[in-house]
Protein backbone atom coordinates (compact mmCIF):
# COMPACT_ATOMS: atom_id res chain seq x y z
CA UNK A 1 23.21 83.63 23.73
CA UNK A 2 21.34 81.92 26.44
CA UNK A 3 22.86 82.44 29.88
CA UNK A 4 25.62 84.78 28.71
CA UNK A 5 25.86 88.53 28.60
CA UNK A 6 26.26 89.61 25.01
CA UNK A 7 27.44 92.91 23.67
CA UNK A 8 25.41 93.83 20.65
CA UNK A 9 26.81 94.53 17.23
CA UNK A 10 26.36 98.20 16.41
CA UNK A 11 24.33 97.09 13.37
CA UNK A 12 21.73 95.70 15.76
CA UNK A 13 21.35 99.22 17.07
CA UNK A 14 21.40 100.74 13.58
CA UNK A 15 25.18 101.17 13.18
CA UNK A 16 27.98 99.61 11.14
CA UNK A 17 29.35 96.50 12.90
CA UNK A 18 32.48 96.12 10.81
CA UNK A 19 33.41 99.78 11.35
CA UNK A 20 33.05 99.34 15.11
CA UNK A 21 35.39 96.34 15.19
CA UNK A 22 37.87 97.98 12.78
CA UNK A 23 37.94 101.10 14.94
CA UNK A 24 38.86 99.05 18.01
CA UNK A 25 41.23 96.61 16.32
CA UNK A 26 44.74 97.22 15.09
CA UNK A 27 46.39 95.94 11.94
CA UNK A 28 47.41 92.35 12.77
CA UNK A 29 50.79 91.02 11.65
CA UNK A 30 51.43 88.03 13.97
CA UNK A 31 48.70 85.41 13.68
CA UNK A 32 48.85 82.19 15.69
CA UNK A 33 46.02 79.77 15.07
CA UNK A 34 45.23 76.65 17.07
CA UNK A 35 43.49 73.92 15.10
CA UNK A 36 44.80 73.88 11.53
CA UNK A 37 42.06 71.70 10.10
CA UNK A 38 42.44 71.73 6.34
CA UNK A 39 44.90 74.63 6.28
CA UNK A 40 42.77 77.61 5.27
CA UNK A 41 45.06 80.03 3.43
CA UNK A 42 45.85 83.50 4.74
CA UNK A 43 46.67 86.71 2.85
CA UNK A 44 50.22 86.50 1.53
CA UNK A 45 51.52 89.74 3.07
CA UNK A 46 51.34 88.41 6.65
CA UNK A 47 53.18 85.58 8.44
CA UNK A 48 51.04 82.92 10.21
CA UNK A 49 51.67 80.02 12.58
CA UNK A 50 49.13 77.23 13.00
CA UNK A 51 49.43 74.65 15.76
CA UNK A 52 47.66 71.36 15.12
CA UNK A 53 47.45 68.59 17.71
CA UNK A 54 46.48 65.83 15.26
CA UNK A 55 49.56 64.82 13.20
CA UNK A 56 47.40 63.67 10.26
CA UNK A 57 45.58 67.01 10.13
CA UNK A 58 48.87 68.88 10.48
CA UNK A 59 50.21 67.00 7.45
CA UNK A 60 47.05 67.69 5.42
CA UNK A 61 47.22 71.37 6.34
CA UNK A 62 50.92 71.62 5.44
CA UNK A 63 50.34 69.77 2.15
CA UNK A 64 47.40 72.04 1.27
CA UNK A 65 49.43 75.14 2.06
CA UNK A 66 52.36 73.87 0.02
CA UNK A 67 50.04 73.11 -2.93
CA UNK A 68 48.59 76.61 -2.68
CA UNK A 69 52.07 78.16 -2.67
CA UNK A 70 51.68 79.41 0.90
CA UNK A 71 54.22 77.25 2.72
CA UNK A 72 56.46 80.30 3.15
CA UNK A 73 53.57 82.31 4.65
CA UNK A 74 52.04 79.78 7.06
CA UNK A 75 54.03 77.47 9.30
CA UNK A 76 52.13 74.41 10.54
CA UNK A 77 53.46 73.30 13.91
CA UNK A 78 52.37 69.78 14.91
CA UNK A 79 51.91 69.26 18.62
CA UNK A 80 50.11 70.25 21.78
CA UNK A 81 49.28 73.96 21.73
CA UNK A 82 49.66 74.18 25.51
CA UNK A 83 53.30 73.15 25.00
CA UNK A 84 53.88 75.13 21.80
CA UNK A 85 52.28 78.49 22.71
CA UNK A 86 54.84 79.31 25.44
CA UNK A 87 57.60 78.65 22.86
CA UNK A 88 56.22 81.26 20.44
CA UNK A 89 58.26 84.46 20.83
CA UNK A 90 56.64 87.84 21.35
CA UNK A 91 53.06 88.96 21.70
CA UNK A 92 50.09 88.32 19.43
CA UNK A 93 47.87 90.72 17.57
CA UNK A 94 45.52 88.10 16.12
CA UNK A 95 44.54 84.69 17.50
CA UNK A 96 42.06 82.33 15.86
CA UNK A 97 40.89 79.58 18.20
CA UNK A 98 39.37 76.39 16.81
CA UNK A 99 40.43 73.59 19.12
CA UNK A 100 38.92 71.34 21.80
CA UNK A 101 36.01 73.41 23.01
CA UNK A 102 36.41 72.50 26.69
CA UNK A 103 39.96 73.91 26.52
CA UNK A 104 38.97 77.36 25.20
CA UNK A 105 39.16 78.99 28.64
CA UNK A 106 42.65 77.56 29.21
CA UNK A 107 43.74 78.94 25.83
CA UNK A 108 42.17 82.28 26.70
CA UNK A 109 44.07 82.45 29.99
CA UNK A 110 47.29 81.61 28.14
CA UNK A 111 46.97 84.13 25.29
CA UNK A 112 45.15 87.13 26.80
CA UNK A 113 48.25 88.45 28.63
CA UNK A 114 50.14 88.25 25.31
CA UNK A 115 47.39 89.76 23.17
CA UNK A 116 48.41 93.30 22.27
CA UNK A 117 46.05 96.24 22.77
CA UNK A 118 43.74 96.36 19.74
CA UNK A 119 44.59 92.70 19.09
CA UNK A 120 41.87 90.31 17.96
CA UNK A 121 40.82 86.99 19.47
CA UNK A 122 38.37 84.99 17.36
CA UNK A 123 36.87 81.71 18.54
CA UNK A 124 34.91 79.27 16.40
CA UNK A 125 31.82 77.23 17.34
CA UNK A 126 30.69 79.48 20.19
CA UNK A 127 27.00 79.01 19.40
CA UNK A 128 26.65 75.35 18.51
CA UNK A 129 29.15 74.19 21.17
CA UNK A 130 28.37 76.75 23.89
CA UNK A 131 27.45 74.02 26.40
CA UNK A 132 31.11 72.95 26.31
CA UNK A 133 32.56 76.40 26.97
CA UNK A 134 30.47 78.36 29.46
CA UNK A 135 33.60 79.43 31.36
CA UNK A 136 35.20 80.79 28.18
CA UNK A 137 32.05 82.62 27.12
CA UNK A 138 31.75 84.19 30.56
CA UNK A 139 35.40 85.27 30.39
CA UNK A 140 35.20 86.95 26.98
CA UNK A 141 31.82 88.61 27.48
CA UNK A 142 32.46 89.94 31.00
CA UNK A 143 36.12 90.93 30.79
CA UNK A 144 36.41 94.75 30.89
CA UNK A 145 39.64 94.55 28.85
CA UNK A 146 37.70 93.19 25.85
CA UNK A 147 35.07 94.39 23.43
CA UNK A 148 33.35 91.15 22.44
CA UNK A 149 30.52 90.26 20.16
CA UNK A 150 29.11 87.00 18.86
CA UNK A 151 28.34 86.67 15.17
CA UNK A 152 26.39 83.77 13.81
CA UNK A 153 26.21 83.74 10.01
CA UNK A 154 25.80 79.97 10.35
CA UNK A 155 24.69 77.66 13.15
CA UNK A 156 28.28 77.46 14.46
CA UNK A 157 28.87 81.04 15.56
CA UNK A 158 32.07 83.00 16.09
CA UNK A 159 33.16 85.27 18.89
CA UNK A 160 35.12 88.37 17.94
CA UNK A 161 36.98 90.03 20.81
CA UNK A 162 39.15 93.13 20.57
CA UNK A 163 41.53 93.82 23.43
CA UNK A 164 41.00 97.40 24.50
CA UNK A 165 43.91 99.74 25.23
């Protein structure tokens, strides 16, 4: 990524990228997500919470989850994530970030202290919206507490960060 240090996937150096991330990551069980969008379903064996700022999108997400039989697995919380996150009890082992891009660094600062060792932080749109999140990209790629890589199977890109022990 232009202007940002980037840790390479092991596959770029001839290794297995997924094995590298799996080796560093734990087995997530608490999964907050900010930006519910259409309510993408999650595996049934885990409990999820999704915070959605836009009430209309929150309703669509909740309706989609209910229709898919996942309303007891995923809770959609309408509201401002900066207000809701502090209300969530405990620490996190998986966070998926897909919100206002200029706020990514603020979200990062809020969740990193609560991200457990071996926990995962994924952020969407880090390639196509990188101009809106230079501070966030600097934070995740230069933080010695994280192993971070950027994957770009599409033009949008995703960062995958594992909090080291």
